[in-house]
Structures are given as structure tokens and as C-alpha cells.
Amino acid sequence: MPNAKIILSFTLLLLLISPAQAQKAWTLEECISHAHQNNLNIKLQEINVQTAKINLTEARMQPLPSLNATVNQGYNFGRSIDPFTNQFVVSSLSNSRASLSTGITLFNGFQIYNNMQSRKHLFTASKFDLEVSKNDLGLNIANAYLQVLFAKELVKSNEARLQSSEVQLQTQQKFKEAGRVAENAVLDMEAQVANDKLNLVNAQNQLTMANLSLFQFLDLNPDSNQVAVPALDSIPDAGVFSADQLYTAYVQYAPELKAANARLESGIYSLRAARGAYYPRLLLGADINTVYSESNLQRSSSVLGYSRLYDANGNVISTVPVNTFTSDGVTPFSRQLSDNLGQTVGFSLSIPIFNNYRTLASVKRAHLSYESTRINSLLTENTLKRQITQAYTEYTAAKSRYTASKQSMDAQKASLDNAAKRLAANLISTADYRVLQSNYEVAETNYIQAKYELMFRYKIIDFYKHGSIKAPNE
């Protein structure tokens, strides 16, 4: 019986421990890597890259000759033309035709080359677009990840405040029992404990929502996953720099600019390809064909006799044999294919003279598309400059706020510690202590917010400097 109790207790202990062990702790690098592999928007961008690659392969195949085979099988009933005698016949016939044709474009105003170059640059742009999407997703995940760390630290801070308030409550209860304080001092501390419990619940709810937001980015269940808390001894310093220096550093990595420039190059070649329609088009074609028909009969002949030809004097000039023909059936299929084999080779020159405004309209559309691409490239550059300038300004402001909030928290902490000693000695009222404690709570919350805001702003600056996102402690 005691053994059964031990086994039951051990089983219950395993059930309680297993959910916690089942949770995977995710680092920032793992979160970003998982999102890059599984995010649906990233998968759509990868499909766009594959489509652009197929378009490029198709364009590269255009200079090669085409090759096509055609096979026809037909049946004629009633009156039709014999393909071998070109005479009308009234019968039921079957016939087969086969051909193999090839063609190659010798010149078309360099449209093939320009289209190939245009699609090559579009393929390059699609790869940079994929990189932009991954970078944007990585920054969003980094922000969500830091929000979870902020919420965790906020919960830890509120737990410490609640524990401190409960200790102070116990002290005031002892003072009351000893007759050193009035009942209102105990009530004040009970209210403080209740308020700290509410703040803890709010912080826990904030942590739950932060976890939900992060793991929704990853399409994972937040109940079975958690964030690995890195060691955050200090916040790295981005050093002294200017917004212009930051922009210059990022330009060598910027996939946004590279994608815009690639599209601009594609637009140039697309315009050249459209203008190529003004030039003549020269084609070379070749064809080999054969035919089989049931009307092609195999015939044999035999001599029935001879016919003599005479001159005017009655003399025999020559003797001509008189033949008779008999049908031996339809000529065999293989023999007909060989006997009826024909080949053709030819050139085709097409000179555009007037084509109902189509070429001119195509050129104008290509020119407008190029202008639109050029303007979008300038907009991308201007937008990137504004974003980097804003990132620099926000980092500078976050750094100043972090320094000020830390000084404020340290000062409020020192004041609260002194007040706690005085409260323990019953030298100040609980009301005064609660005011100081409230001031410290605000200062600590501001410090924690400023700390993680600075950390995120630093991540953005570091990304612009190096083109990649690193762990929070790097």
C-alpha cells in the first residue's frame, strides 16, 4: 500500500512537471529563422521569385529554333479529289499526312535580346523583394520579442513590489497589535497590497498578449511555447554617428534600392524591345512532310501483244508493245512514306509599314512604364532616407529617455528604501510611504519601458549599419 501511494504521487508529479518541460524556449534567431521558413507572406514572395525565374528561362529559350511535328488522319466519303491523280473520284478513302517543321528568328529588331535582359533584371528585383519582406518580418518579430521580454520584466517587478508590500503589511499588523499604530495604517497597507495584486494581474495579462502577438507571427501555439530570456547585463551603444553616415552605411546592403534599380534597368530594356517592332522581321523556316493514301495503288503490267507503226509507203517503222495494267492493292505504308517525302526551306521577311497604331501605342506605354518605374525608384530612395533619419532621431530620443528614467528610478529607489526604514521604525505614516512607493512604481515602469524601447531602437540602427538583425544581448 505505501508503494502504491509513492507511485501515485510520482505520477502526479510527472503530470505537473511535463507541461512546463514541453514548452520550447525560443531565441530571437530561432523565431526569425522559423518565420522565414514558414510565414505565408514569405512563401508568396518565394513563389514570385520562382515565377520570375520561369519567365527568364522562357526568354532565354527564344533565340533557339522551334521544332513541331504534325500528324493528320482523314477519311473521305463520296466525291473527292485523288491526291495522286488530281482527278475527281467517287469512293471512300482514308489518308494520312505527317510533317516536321522548324523555324528560327534571324532578326526582329533585337526584341528577343532586350526582352531577355528585361526579365533578367525583373528576376533580380524579385529576389531583392524577398529579402525586403524577410527584413520587415524580422524587425516586426524583434519588436514583438522585446515586448515579451519587457512584459516578463514588468511581471517580475510587480511580483517584487507585491512581496515588499506584504512584508510591510505584516509589519504594520504587528505594530497595531503592539498599539504603536492606528488601524488606518493597516488599512492603508492592505489597500496597497490589493493595488499591487491588481498591477501584477495587469502585467501578467500584458505578458499573455505579448506572447500571443509574437507566436502569431510564427503561426505557433503560445501555450506550448515561450521566449528564452537572454542575459541583458547592458544595452550596447551604437556609438557616435549621423543620419547621413547611417544612410551611407545601409546603401551597400539596401535591398529596397537594389530592387528599384533592377526594375529601372528592366524598364530600359522593355522600352528598347518595344521600339524593336519598328524594324523588319526576318525568319527562316524548313519543313519535311509525307503522305499516305488508300488511293495510291500498286500496279503491275504485262504485254498482250505488239502494235506495228507504218509509214506512207506501208513500211514498218517500229513495233510497240501493248501493255495491260492490273492492280495489286494499295501501296504499302512504309513505301508511300518514302516515295512521297518532300522538303521545303524558305525565308520570310516582314516589313512593318502600318499596323493600326499598335507599335506606336506599345512604345508609348513602355515609355510611361519606364517613367513610372523611375519615379518609384526616387520615391523608394526618399522614403528610405526619411526612415533612416527617423530611426536616428528615435534612437537619440530613446537614449536620452533611458538615461533620464534610470536616474529618476535610482533616486526614487533610494528615497523609497529610506522611507521603508523609517516606516519600520514608525517614523512616517503609511500614507506618506504609499506616495513614495507609487512614485517609485511609476519611475521603475518608465525605466523598463525606456530600456526596451532603447533596445529596439538600437536593433534598428544596428540593422541599418550591418544589414542583419542580431540577438538582444549583441
Protein backbone atom coordinates (compact mmCIF):
# COMPACT_ATOMS: atom_id res chain seq x y z
CA MET A 1 0.00 0.00 0.00
CA PRO A 2 2.76 2.54 0.78
CA ASN A 3 4.38 1.63 -2.56
CA ALA A 4 1.12 2.40 -4.36
CA LYS A 5 0.95 5.82 -2.72
CA ILE A 6 4.53 6.54 -3.75
CA ILE A 7 3.83 5.53 -7.37
CA LEU A 8 0.65 7.65 -7.45
CA SER A 9 2.48 10.66 -6.02
CA PHE A 10 5.31 10.27 -8.53
CA THR A 11 2.83 10.02 -11.41
CA LEU A 12 1.04 13.20 -10.33
CA LEU A 13 4.38 14.96 -10.03
CA LEU A 14 5.30 13.97 -13.60
CA LEU A 15 1.93 15.24 -14.88
CA LEU A 16 2.51 18.58 -13.21
CA ILE A 17 6.06 18.92 -14.48
CA SER A 18 5.56 17.69 -18.07
CA PRO A 19 3.62 20.73 -19.40
CA ALA A 20 6.40 23.05 -18.32
CA GLN A 21 9.02 20.78 -19.87
CA ALA A 22 7.01 20.56 -23.10
CA GLN A 23 7.32 24.30 -23.72
CA LYS A 24 10.06 25.19 -26.17
CA ALA A 25 12.11 28.28 -25.32
CA TRP A 26 12.66 30.35 -28.47
CA THR A 27 15.61 32.67 -29.03
CA LEU A 28 15.26 35.65 -31.33
CA GLU A 29 17.36 33.96 -34.03
CA GLU A 30 15.14 30.86 -33.89
CA CYS A 31 12.00 32.98 -34.12
CA ILE A 32 13.25 34.83 -37.20
CA SER A 33 14.54 31.65 -38.85
CA HIS A 34 11.23 29.85 -38.25
CA ALA A 35 9.25 32.78 -39.64
CA HIS A 36 11.42 32.97 -42.75
CA GLN A 37 10.75 29.29 -43.43
CA ASN A 38 7.05 29.15 -42.59
CA ASN A 39 5.48 32.61 -42.91
CA LEU A 40 2.82 32.61 -45.63
CA ASN A 41 3.72 36.06 -46.94
CA ILE A 42 7.32 34.91 -47.36
CA LYS A 43 6.11 31.84 -49.23
CA LEU A 44 4.13 34.08 -51.61
CA GLN A 45 7.26 36.13 -52.25
CA GLU A 46 9.20 32.93 -52.94
CA ILE A 47 6.56 31.95 -55.49
CA ASN A 48 7.04 35.36 -57.15
CA VAL A 49 10.77 34.64 -57.38
CA GLN A 50 10.11 31.24 -58.96
CA THR A 51 7.68 32.81 -61.44
CA ALA A 52 10.25 35.45 -62.41
CA LYS A 53 12.84 32.70 -62.90
CA ILE A 54 10.49 30.79 -65.20
CA ASN A 55 9.87 33.97 -67.21
CA LEU A 56 13.63 34.48 -67.55
CA THR A 57 14.17 30.88 -68.70
CA GLU A 58 11.41 31.31 -71.26
CA ALA A 59 13.07 34.49 -72.61
CA ARG A 60 16.46 32.75 -72.83
CA MET A 61 14.94 29.99 -74.97
CA GLN A 62 13.55 32.40 -77.58
CA PRO A 63 16.75 32.59 -79.75
CA LEU A 64 16.62 28.81 -80.24
CA PRO A 65 14.78 27.33 -83.25
CA SER A 66 11.33 25.87 -82.76
CA LEU A 67 10.52 22.28 -83.73
CA ASN A 68 7.00 20.95 -84.23
CA ALA A 69 5.54 17.71 -85.54
CA THR A 70 2.06 17.37 -87.07
CA VAL A 71 0.12 14.20 -87.90
CA ASN A 72 -3.29 14.19 -89.63
CA GLN A 73 -5.61 11.29 -90.33
CA GLY A 74 -8.63 11.84 -92.56
CA TYR A 75 -11.48 9.94 -94.21
CA ASN A 76 -13.17 10.97 -97.48
CA PHE A 77 -16.64 9.82 -98.44
CA GLY A 78 -18.34 10.38 -101.81
CA ARG A 79 -16.91 12.77 -104.37
CA SER A 80 -13.34 13.91 -103.62
CA ILE A 81 -10.03 14.67 -105.35
CA ASP A 82 -7.45 11.93 -105.63
CA PRO A 83 -4.25 13.44 -104.19
CA PHE A 84 -2.12 11.46 -106.65
CA THR A 85 -4.04 11.95 -109.92
CA ASN A 86 -5.78 15.25 -109.05
CA GLN A 87 -8.95 13.79 -110.60
CA PHE A 88 -12.39 13.63 -109.09
CA VAL A 89 -13.27 10.20 -107.76
CA VAL A 90 -16.34 8.85 -106.06
CA SER A 91 -15.20 6.44 -103.37
CA SER A 92 -14.38 6.16 -99.69
CA LEU A 93 -10.72 6.81 -98.96
CA SER A 94 -8.53 7.24 -95.92
CA ASN A 95 -5.34 9.26 -95.95
CA SER A 96 -2.60 10.25 -93.50
CA ARG A 97 -0.27 13.24 -93.52
CA ALA A 98 2.78 13.89 -91.37
CA SER A 99 5.14 16.85 -91.23
CA LEU A 100 8.07 18.11 -89.18
CA SER A 101 8.70 21.84 -89.25
CA THR A 102 11.25 24.18 -87.72
CA GLY A 103 11.71 27.93 -87.64
CA ILE A 104 14.11 30.49 -86.23
CA THR A 105 14.03 34.26 -85.94
CA LEU A 106 17.13 35.71 -87.59
CA PHE A 107 16.33 39.35 -86.83
CA ASN A 108 13.45 41.18 -85.14
CA GLY A 109 14.93 44.48 -84.04
CA PHE A 110 16.79 42.90 -81.08
CA GLN A 111 13.45 42.31 -79.31
CA ILE A 112 14.49 38.85 -78.16
CA TYR A 113 17.72 40.13 -76.56
CA ASN A 114 16.03 43.12 -74.91
CA ASN A 115 13.17 41.03 -73.54
CA MET A 116 15.68 38.58 -72.10
CA GLN A 117 17.61 41.40 -70.38
CA SER A 118 14.38 42.91 -69.06
CA ARG A 119 13.28 39.64 -67.48
CA LYS A 120 16.77 39.08 -66.10
CA HIS A 121 16.54 42.33 -64.14
CA LEU A 122 12.97 41.54 -63.03
CA PHE A 123 14.21 38.23 -61.65
CA THR A 124 16.93 40.11 -59.74
CA ALA A 125 14.33 42.56 -58.41
CA SER A 126 12.10 39.71 -57.20
CA LYS A 127 14.97 38.25 -55.17
CA PHE A 128 15.60 41.62 -53.52
CA ASP A 129 11.85 41.96 -52.84
CA LEU A 130 12.01 38.65 -50.99
CA GLU A 131 14.92 39.97 -48.93
CA VAL A 132 12.95 43.15 -48.10
CA SER A 133 9.99 41.06 -46.91
CA LYS A 134 12.28 38.96 -44.72
CA ASN A 135 13.87 42.08 -43.22
CA ASP A 136 10.49 43.66 -42.46
CA LEU A 137 9.26 40.44 -40.88
CA GLY A 138 12.47 40.15 -38.85
CA LEU A 139 12.09 43.67 -37.45
CA ASN A 140 8.45 43.02 -36.54
CA ILE A 141 9.42 39.81 -34.78
CA ALA A 142 12.29 41.56 -32.97
CA ASN A 143 9.85 44.19 -31.72
CA ALA A 144 7.34 41.54 -30.61
CA TYR A 145 10.15 39.54 -28.97
CA LEU A 146 11.34 42.57 -26.99
CA GLN A 147 7.76 43.31 -25.97
CA VAL A 148 7.62 39.84 -24.40
CA LEU A 149 10.90 40.49 -22.55
CA PHE A 150 9.51 43.85 -21.37
CA ALA A 151 6.31 42.20 -20.13
CA LYS A 152 8.30 39.49 -18.35
CA GLU A 153 10.41 42.07 -16.54
CA LEU A 154 7.29 44.05 -15.69
CA VAL A 155 5.74 40.93 -14.12
CA LYS A 156 8.93 40.29 -12.17
CA SER A 157 8.97 43.89 -10.95
CA ASN A 158 5.33 43.75 -9.84
CA GLU A 159 5.92 40.47 -8.04
CA ALA A 160 8.76 42.11 -6.09
CA ARG A 161 6.54 45.10 -5.25
CA LEU A 162 3.74 42.82 -4.04
CA GLN A 163 6.17 40.86 -1.90
CA SER A 164 7.53 44.09 -0.39
CA SER A 165 4.02 45.39 0.31
CA GLU A 166 3.03 42.14 2.01
CA VAL A 167 6.09 42.41 4.27
CA GLN A 168 5.16 45.99 5.13
CA LEU A 169 1.59 44.87 5.82
CA GLN A 170 2.83 42.25 8.26
CA THR A 171 4.97 44.89 9.98
CA GLN A 172 2.02 47.28 10.36
CA GLN A 173 -0.18 44.49 11.73
CA LYS A 174 2.46 43.78 14.40
CA PHE A 175 2.65 47.49 15.20
CA LYS A 176 -1.11 47.59 15.60
CA GLU A 177 -1.11 44.60 17.91
CA ALA A 178 1.54 46.38 19.98
CA GLY A 179 -0.57 49.54 19.99
CA ARG A 180 2.07 51.58 18.13
CA VAL A 181 -0.10 52.49 15.10
CA ALA A 182 -3.76 53.07 14.47
CA GLU A 183 -5.97 50.76 12.44
CA ASN A 184 -5.88 53.10 9.43
CA ALA A 185 -2.18 52.30 8.93
CA VAL A 186 -3.05 48.62 8.46
CA LEU A 187 -5.94 49.51 6.13
CA ASP A 188 -3.64 51.69 4.06
CA MET A 189 -1.18 48.83 3.60
CA GLU A 190 -3.98 46.38 2.82
CA ALA A 191 -5.13 48.77 0.08
CA GLN A 192 -1.55 48.94 -1.19
CA VAL A 193 -1.32 45.13 -1.30
CA ALA A 194 -4.62 44.94 -3.19
CA ASN A 195 -3.39 47.57 -5.66
CA ASP A 196 -0.11 45.70 -6.17
CA LYS A 197 -2.05 42.48 -6.84
CA LEU A 198 -4.10 44.30 -9.48
CA ASN A 199 -0.93 45.66 -11.09
CA LEU A 200 0.53 42.15 -11.13
CA VAL A 201 -2.59 40.76 -12.83
CA ASN A 202 -2.43 43.54 -15.42
CA ALA A 203 1.26 42.82 -16.05
CA GLN A 204 0.54 39.09 -16.42
CA ASN A 205 -2.24 39.85 -18.91
CA GLN A 206 0.14 42.11 -20.81
CA LEU A 207 2.65 39.24 -20.94
CA THR A 208 -0.03 36.88 -22.23
CA MET A 209 -0.96 39.30 -25.04
CA ALA A 210 2.72 39.90 -25.90
CA ASN A 211 3.29 36.13 -26.15
CA LEU A 212 0.19 35.79 -28.31
CA SER A 213 1.35 38.56 -30.65
CA LEU A 214 4.82 37.04 -31.06
CA PHE A 215 3.75 33.47 -31.67
CA GLN A 216 1.01 34.56 -34.06
CA PHE A 217 3.84 35.87 -36.25
CA LEU A 218 5.27 32.34 -36.09
CA ASP A 219 1.91 30.56 -36.51
CA LEU A 220 2.59 28.67 -33.27
CA ASN A 221 0.54 27.95 -30.17
CA PRO A 222 1.65 30.32 -27.36
CA ASP A 223 0.53 27.79 -24.74
CA SER A 224 3.26 25.33 -25.73
CA ASN A 225 6.00 27.87 -26.48
CA GLN A 226 7.83 30.57 -24.57
CA VAL A 227 10.60 33.11 -25.06
CA ALA A 228 14.11 32.36 -23.93
CA VAL A 229 15.27 35.26 -21.74
CA PRO A 230 18.82 36.28 -22.71
CA ALA A 231 21.32 37.85 -20.35
CA LEU A 232 20.85 41.61 -20.59
CA ASP A 233 23.67 42.99 -18.48
CA SER A 234 23.85 46.18 -20.51
CA ILE A 235 22.50 47.77 -23.66
CA PRO A 236 25.07 48.03 -26.49
CA ASP A 237 25.95 51.55 -27.59
CA ALA A 238 25.63 52.35 -31.27
CA GLY A 239 28.40 54.93 -30.98
CA VAL A 240 28.61 58.42 -32.41
CA PHE A 241 27.20 58.79 -35.93
CA SER A 242 24.91 60.95 -38.03
CA ALA A 243 21.83 60.12 -40.08
CA ASP A 244 23.81 60.67 -43.30
CA GLN A 245 26.51 58.26 -42.16
CA LEU A 246 23.85 55.69 -41.31
CA TYR A 247 22.25 56.08 -44.75
CA THR A 248 25.64 55.72 -46.46
CA ALA A 249 26.33 52.53 -44.50
CA TYR A 250 22.95 50.98 -45.35
CA VAL A 251 23.04 51.79 -49.07
CA GLN A 252 25.54 48.99 -49.71
CA TYR A 253 23.06 46.48 -48.23
CA ALA A 254 19.69 48.07 -49.04
CA PRO A 255 17.61 45.51 -50.98
CA GLU A 256 14.89 48.16 -51.43
CA LEU A 257 17.22 50.31 -53.54
CA LYS A 258 18.66 47.32 -55.38
CA ALA A 259 15.18 46.11 -56.30
CA ALA A 260 14.19 49.59 -57.51
CA ASN A 261 17.36 49.91 -59.59
CA ALA A 262 16.83 46.46 -61.11
CA ARG A 263 13.28 47.42 -62.13
CA LEU A 264 14.63 50.64 -63.64
CA GLU A 265 17.08 48.64 -65.77
CA SER A 266 14.26 46.29 -66.75
CA GLY A 267 12.19 49.28 -67.87
CA ILE A 268 15.02 50.47 -70.14
CA TYR A 269 15.22 47.13 -71.92
CA SER A 270 11.43 46.87 -72.15
CA LEU A 271 11.37 50.24 -73.93
CA ARG A 272 14.07 49.07 -76.34
CA ALA A 273 12.14 45.87 -77.01
CA ALA A 274 9.00 47.88 -77.83
CA ARG A 275 10.95 50.08 -80.25
CA GLY A 276 12.29 46.95 -81.94
CA ALA A 277 8.86 46.43 -83.50
CA TYR A 278 9.69 49.29 -85.93
CA TYR A 279 12.33 47.10 -87.62
CA PRO A 280 11.78 44.38 -90.27
CA ARG A 281 11.42 40.79 -89.11
CA LEU A 282 13.39 38.03 -90.85
CA LEU A 283 12.51 34.39 -90.30
CA LEU A 284 13.99 31.13 -91.59
CA GLY A 285 11.75 28.09 -91.85
CA ALA A 286 12.12 24.49 -93.01
CA ASP A 287 9.65 21.66 -93.44
CA ILE A 288 9.70 17.96 -94.23
CA ASN A 289 6.42 16.15 -95.00
CA THR A 290 4.94 12.97 -96.44
CA VAL A 291 1.53 11.48 -97.16
CA TYR A 292 -0.21 8.11 -97.30
CA SER A 293 -3.48 7.41 -99.13
CA GLU A 294 -5.56 4.38 -99.98
CA SER A 295 -5.96 5.76 -103.50
CA ASN A 296 -2.25 5.19 -104.17
CA LEU A 297 -2.47 1.72 -105.75
CA GLN A 298 0.39 -0.58 -106.54
CA ARG A 299 0.13 -1.60 -110.23
CA SER A 300 1.76 -4.31 -112.38
CA SER A 301 1.80 -4.61 -116.23
CA SER A 302 2.01 -7.43 -118.81
CA VAL A 303 2.46 -7.46 -122.64
CA LEU A 304 -0.63 -8.56 -124.55
CA GLY A 305 0.95 -8.16 -127.95
CA TYR A 306 2.67 -5.72 -130.30
CA SER A 307 1.43 -2.96 -132.46
CA ARG A 308 3.25 -2.02 -135.67
CA LEU A 309 3.61 1.51 -136.98
CA TYR A 310 3.81 2.06 -140.79
CA ASP A 311 4.93 4.91 -142.96
CA ALA A 312 3.11 6.26 -146.00
CA ASN A 313 4.59 3.58 -148.21
CA GLY A 314 3.40 0.76 -145.96
CA ASN A 315 6.76 0.00 -144.49
CA VAL A 316 7.03 -0.97 -140.78
CA ILE A 317 8.62 1.84 -138.84
CA SER A 318 8.56 0.35 -135.33
CA THR A 319 6.91 -2.26 -133.21
CA VAL A 320 5.31 -1.02 -129.95
CA PRO A 321 4.31 -3.44 -127.16
CA VAL A 322 0.72 -3.27 -125.96
CA ASN A 323 0.59 -3.48 -122.14
CA THR A 324 -2.23 -4.22 -119.77
CA PHE A 325 -2.23 -2.97 -116.13
CA THR A 326 -3.57 -4.79 -113.12
CA SER A 327 -3.86 -3.54 -109.52
CA ASP A 328 -2.01 -5.37 -106.80
CA GLY A 329 -3.63 -3.42 -103.97
CA VAL A 330 -2.73 -0.28 -102.03
CA THR A 331 0.95 0.71 -101.99
CA PRO A 332 2.46 -0.29 -98.62
CA PHE A 333 2.53 2.35 -95.89
CA SER A 334 6.32 2.48 -95.47
CA ARG A 335 6.87 2.74 -99.23
CA GLN A 336 4.41 5.60 -99.54
CA LEU A 337 6.10 7.49 -96.70
CA SER A 338 9.42 7.16 -98.52
CA ASP A 339 8.15 7.87 -102.05
CA ASN A 340 6.03 10.87 -101.04
CA LEU A 341 8.68 12.56 -98.89
CA GLY A 342 9.09 16.29 -99.57
CA GLN A 343 11.25 19.09 -98.11
CA THR A 344 10.99 22.86 -98.16
CA VAL A 345 13.25 25.66 -96.94
CA GLY A 346 12.31 29.33 -97.04
CA PHE A 347 12.85 32.83 -95.72
CA SER A 348 10.15 35.21 -94.59
CA LEU A 349 10.71 38.97 -94.41
CA SER A 350 8.05 41.12 -92.78
CA ILE A 351 8.42 44.91 -93.11
CA PRO A 352 6.16 46.98 -90.83
CA ILE A 353 4.52 49.83 -92.74
CA PHE A 354 1.25 50.49 -90.94
CA ASN A 355 -0.26 48.39 -88.18
CA ASN A 356 -3.14 50.47 -86.84
CA TYR A 357 -1.12 52.42 -84.24
CA ARG A 358 -0.28 49.23 -82.29
CA THR A 359 3.51 49.64 -82.37
CA LEU A 360 3.45 53.34 -81.50
CA ALA A 361 0.99 52.71 -78.67
CA SER A 362 3.19 49.90 -77.35
CA VAL A 363 6.25 52.18 -77.38
CA LYS A 364 4.38 54.98 -75.58
CA ARG A 365 3.12 52.58 -72.91
CA ALA A 366 6.66 51.24 -72.41
CA HIS A 367 7.98 54.80 -72.08
CA LEU A 368 5.31 55.68 -69.49
CA SER A 369 6.04 52.46 -67.61
CA TYR A 370 9.73 53.39 -67.53
CA GLU A 371 8.92 56.89 -66.21
CA SER A 372 6.68 55.35 -63.54
CA THR A 373 9.47 52.98 -62.53
CA ARG A 374 11.97 55.85 -62.40
CA ILE A 375 9.68 57.88 -60.13
CA ASN A 376 9.07 54.86 -57.90
CA SER A 377 12.84 54.44 -57.62
CA LEU A 378 13.18 58.05 -56.44
CA LEU A 379 10.29 57.57 -54.01
CA THR A 380 11.97 54.46 -52.60
CA GLU A 381 15.20 56.38 -52.09
CA ASN A 382 13.42 59.32 -50.43
CA THR A 383 11.34 57.02 -48.23
CA LEU A 384 14.45 55.16 -47.12
CA LYS A 385 16.18 58.44 -46.24
CA ARG A 386 13.18 59.51 -44.15
CA GLN A 387 13.03 56.15 -42.40
CA ILE A 388 16.73 56.22 -41.53
CA THR A 389 16.52 59.85 -40.34
CA GLN A 390 13.50 58.93 -38.21
CA ALA A 391 15.29 55.85 -36.85
CA TYR A 392 18.29 58.02 -35.92
CA THR A 393 16.07 60.61 -34.21
CA GLU A 394 14.08 57.94 -32.32
CA TYR A 395 17.29 56.23 -31.18
CA THR A 396 18.71 59.51 -29.90
CA ALA A 397 15.47 60.31 -28.07
CA ALA A 398 15.24 56.78 -26.62
CA LYS A 399 18.82 57.01 -25.39
CA SER A 400 18.13 60.30 -23.62
CA ARG A 401 14.90 58.96 -22.14
CA TYR A 402 16.66 55.83 -20.90
CA THR A 403 19.36 57.87 -19.13
CA ALA A 404 16.81 60.20 -17.52
CA SER A 405 14.45 57.38 -16.48
CA LYS A 406 17.32 55.42 -14.91
CA GLN A 407 18.39 58.44 -12.88
CA SER A 408 14.78 59.00 -11.82
CA MET A 409 14.34 55.35 -10.81
CA ASP A 410 17.59 55.30 -8.84
CA ALA A 411 16.58 58.45 -6.98
CA GLN A 412 13.07 57.13 -6.25
CA LYS A 413 14.56 53.79 -5.15
CA ALA A 414 16.88 55.48 -2.68
CA SER A 415 14.01 57.58 -1.33
CA LEU A 416 11.75 54.51 -1.01
CA ASP A 417 14.45 52.47 0.75
CA ASN A 418 14.91 55.29 3.26
CA ALA A 419 11.15 55.53 3.73
CA ALA A 420 10.91 51.77 4.32
CA LYS A 421 13.42 52.06 7.16
CA ARG A 422 11.54 54.98 8.65
CA LEU A 423 8.24 53.11 8.31
CA ALA A 424 9.74 50.13 10.09
CA ALA A 425 10.73 52.49 12.87
CA ASN A 426 7.24 54.01 12.78
CA LEU A 427 8.67 57.43 11.91
CA ILE A 428 6.42 58.13 8.90
CA SER A 429 2.83 57.32 8.13
CA THR A 430 1.72 54.60 5.77
CA ALA A 431 0.06 57.27 3.62
CA ASP A 432 3.41 59.01 3.09
CA TYR A 433 5.04 55.67 2.37
CA ARG A 434 2.39 54.79 -0.22
CA VAL A 435 3.02 58.08 -2.04
CA LEU A 436 6.74 57.33 -2.24
CA GLN A 437 6.07 53.76 -3.28
CA SER A 438 3.71 54.94 -6.02
CA ASN A 439 6.36 57.35 -7.28
CA TYR A 440 8.89 54.54 -7.42
CA GLU A 441 6.47 52.25 -9.28
CA VAL A 442 5.94 54.90 -11.94
CA ALA A 443 9.69 55.55 -12.19
CA GLU A 444 10.51 51.83 -12.45
CA THR A 445 7.84 51.23 -15.09
CA ASN A 446 9.13 54.19 -17.10
CA TYR A 447 12.65 52.82 -16.80
CA ILE A 448 11.67 49.36 -18.01
CA GLN A 449 9.75 50.85 -20.94
CA ALA A 450 12.67 53.13 -21.82
CA LYS A 451 15.10 50.22 -21.56
CA TYR A 452 13.31 48.02 -24.08
CA GLU A 453 12.43 50.92 -26.33
CA LEU A 454 16.14 51.82 -26.49
CA MET A 455 16.97 48.19 -27.13
CA PHE A 456 14.57 48.06 -30.08
CA ARG A 457 15.79 51.39 -31.46
CA TYR A 458 19.34 50.10 -31.19
CA LYS A 459 18.34 46.98 -33.12
CA ILE A 460 17.03 49.16 -35.96
CA ILE A 461 20.24 51.22 -36.01
CA ASP A 462 22.34 48.07 -35.95
CA PHE A 463 20.27 46.65 -38.80
CA TYR A 464 20.89 49.74 -40.92
CA LYS A 465 24.60 49.53 -40.13
CA HIS A 466 25.11 45.83 -40.88
CA GLY A 467 22.04 44.74 -42.82
CA SER A 468 21.06 42.00 -40.34
CA ILE A 469 19.23 41.54 -37.04
CA LYS A 470 21.17 40.25 -34.04
CA ALA A 471 20.19 38.90 -30.64
CA PRO A 472 19.15 41.43 -27.94
CA ASN A 473 22.40 40.96 -26.00
CA GLU A 474 24.65 41.53 -29.04
